[in-house]
Protein backbone atom coordinates (compact mmCIF):
# COMPACT_ATOMS: atom_id res chain seq x y z
CA UNK A 1 28.00 -20.67 -84.08
CA UNK A 2 27.87 -18.52 -87.19
CA UNK A 3 27.33 -14.84 -87.75
CA UNK A 4 24.99 -12.66 -89.75
CA UNK A 5 24.37 -8.97 -90.30
CA UNK A 6 22.62 -7.27 -87.41
CA UNK A 7 20.79 -4.87 -89.73
CA UNK A 8 21.07 -3.14 -93.08
CA UNK A 9 24.51 -2.02 -94.22
CA UNK A 10 25.30 0.24 -97.21
CA UNK A 11 28.31 -0.40 -99.42
CA UNK A 12 29.34 2.53 -101.60
CA UNK A 13 30.99 2.00 -104.98
CA UNK A 14 31.47 5.32 -106.67
CA UNK A 15 28.02 6.83 -107.11
CA UNK A 16 26.19 3.54 -106.47
CA UNK A 17 25.13 2.36 -103.03
CA UNK A 18 24.11 -1.25 -102.48
CA UNK A 19 22.30 -2.27 -99.30
CA UNK A 20 22.69 -5.66 -97.62
CA UNK A 21 20.72 -7.04 -94.71
CA UNK A 22 20.31 -10.18 -92.62
CA UNK A 23 19.91 -13.19 -94.87
CA UNK A 24 21.18 -11.52 -98.07
CA UNK A 25 23.93 -13.06 -100.17
CA UNK A 26 26.90 -10.69 -100.09
CA UNK A 27 29.80 -10.65 -102.57
CA UNK A 28 33.04 -11.53 -100.79
CA UNK A 29 34.61 -8.19 -101.75
CA UNK A 30 31.71 -6.35 -100.05
CA UNK A 31 31.62 -8.65 -97.01
CA UNK A 32 35.29 -7.83 -96.43
CA UNK A 33 34.40 -4.12 -96.20
CA UNK A 34 31.79 -4.62 -93.47
CA UNK A 35 33.20 -4.02 -90.00
CA UNK A 36 32.88 -6.52 -87.15
CA UNK A 37 30.46 -4.17 -85.38
CA UNK A 38 27.81 -4.87 -88.05
CA UNK A 39 27.79 -8.63 -87.48
CA UNK A 40 26.11 -10.56 -84.67
CA UNK A 41 26.48 -14.13 -83.52
CA UNK A 42 23.85 -16.44 -84.93
CA UNK A 43 22.83 -18.93 -82.22
CA UNK A 44 21.39 -21.27 -84.84
CA UNK A 45 24.84 -21.73 -86.36
CA UNK A 46 24.11 -20.29 -89.78
CA UNK A 47 26.60 -18.01 -91.44
CA UNK A 48 25.57 -15.12 -93.67
CA UNK A 49 25.96 -16.34 -97.22
CA UNK A 50 28.97 -14.72 -98.86
CA UNK A 51 29.22 -15.12 -102.63
CA UNK A 52 32.48 -15.57 -104.50
CA UNK A 53 31.52 -12.86 -106.99
CA UNK A 54 29.19 -9.93 -107.48
CA UNK A 55 27.53 -11.82 -110.33
CA UNK A 56 26.70 -14.75 -108.05
CA UNK A 57 25.27 -12.39 -105.42
CA UNK A 58 23.20 -10.46 -107.96
CA UNK A 59 21.75 -13.69 -109.26
CA UNK A 60 20.59 -14.58 -105.76
CA UNK A 61 19.23 -11.34 -104.42
CA UNK A 62 19.68 -8.13 -106.45
CA UNK A 63 19.50 -4.71 -104.86
CA UNK A 64 17.89 -4.75 -101.44
CA UNK A 65 15.47 -1.97 -100.49
CA UNK A 66 16.36 0.07 -97.41
CA UNK A 67 14.12 -0.28 -94.38
CA UNK A 68 11.02 1.94 -94.27
CA UNK A 69 11.55 2.84 -90.63
CA UNK A 70 14.46 3.26 -88.23
CA UNK A 71 18.15 3.64 -89.10
CA UNK A 72 18.91 3.67 -92.82
CA UNK A 73 15.36 4.58 -93.83
CA UNK A 74 15.91 8.20 -94.81
CA UNK A 75 15.53 9.99 -98.12
CA UNK A 76 19.21 9.58 -99.05
CA UNK A 77 19.04 5.78 -98.68
CA UNK A 78 15.90 5.56 -100.81
CA UNK A 79 17.34 7.96 -103.43
CA UNK A 80 20.46 5.77 -103.69
CA UNK A 81 18.31 2.65 -104.04
CA UNK A 82 16.26 4.34 -106.79
CA UNK A 83 19.46 5.34 -108.61
CA UNK A 84 20.76 1.78 -108.33
CA UNK A 85 17.53 0.60 -110.00
CA UNK A 86 17.69 3.35 -112.66
CA UNK A 87 14.39 4.80 -111.38
CA UNK A 88 14.33 8.53 -112.12
CA UNK A 89 13.00 10.78 -109.36
CA UNK A 90 12.96 14.58 -109.16
CA UNK A 91 15.65 16.19 -106.98
CA UNK A 92 12.97 17.71 -104.76
CA UNK A 93 11.08 14.41 -104.24
CA UNK A 94 10.50 13.40 -100.64
CA UNK A 95 11.24 9.96 -99.23
CA UNK A 96 7.65 8.76 -99.64
CA UNK A 97 7.56 10.06 -103.22
CA UNK A 98 10.74 8.13 -103.99
CA UNK A 99 9.29 4.94 -102.48
CA UNK A 100 6.13 5.39 -104.56
CA UNK A 101 8.16 5.89 -107.76
CA UNK A 102 10.15 2.72 -107.06
CA UNK A 103 6.95 0.77 -106.38
CA UNK A 104 5.31 2.18 -109.52
CA UNK A 105 8.33 1.07 -111.55
CA UNK A 106 7.70 -2.50 -110.37
CA UNK A 107 10.59 -2.85 -107.92
CA UNK A 108 10.37 -4.17 -104.36
CA UNK A 109 10.07 -1.63 -101.54
CA UNK A 110 9.84 -4.11 -98.65
């Protein structure tokens, strides 16, 4: 039996926040920072893929968009994702405006 992330988890590095979710490749240094409470047993026996380096993980997945509903779907999560993608948004932009700006810039929002 393996384990995988139960949902989306943010990892903060300075002013950059990177989101990981079920099925994403996670750099080993970030996986080590994720508490046991964020992992669930995977009945199919598959482990979450953990990369040896950030470069290997970035080559496989890149920044992951936050969910659009539920926990982790607020304005702050989307603003951090936009900043990670170098998408400029006004300080007074709402969550939906930020999502639209990211989409307009050609980045995934789902």
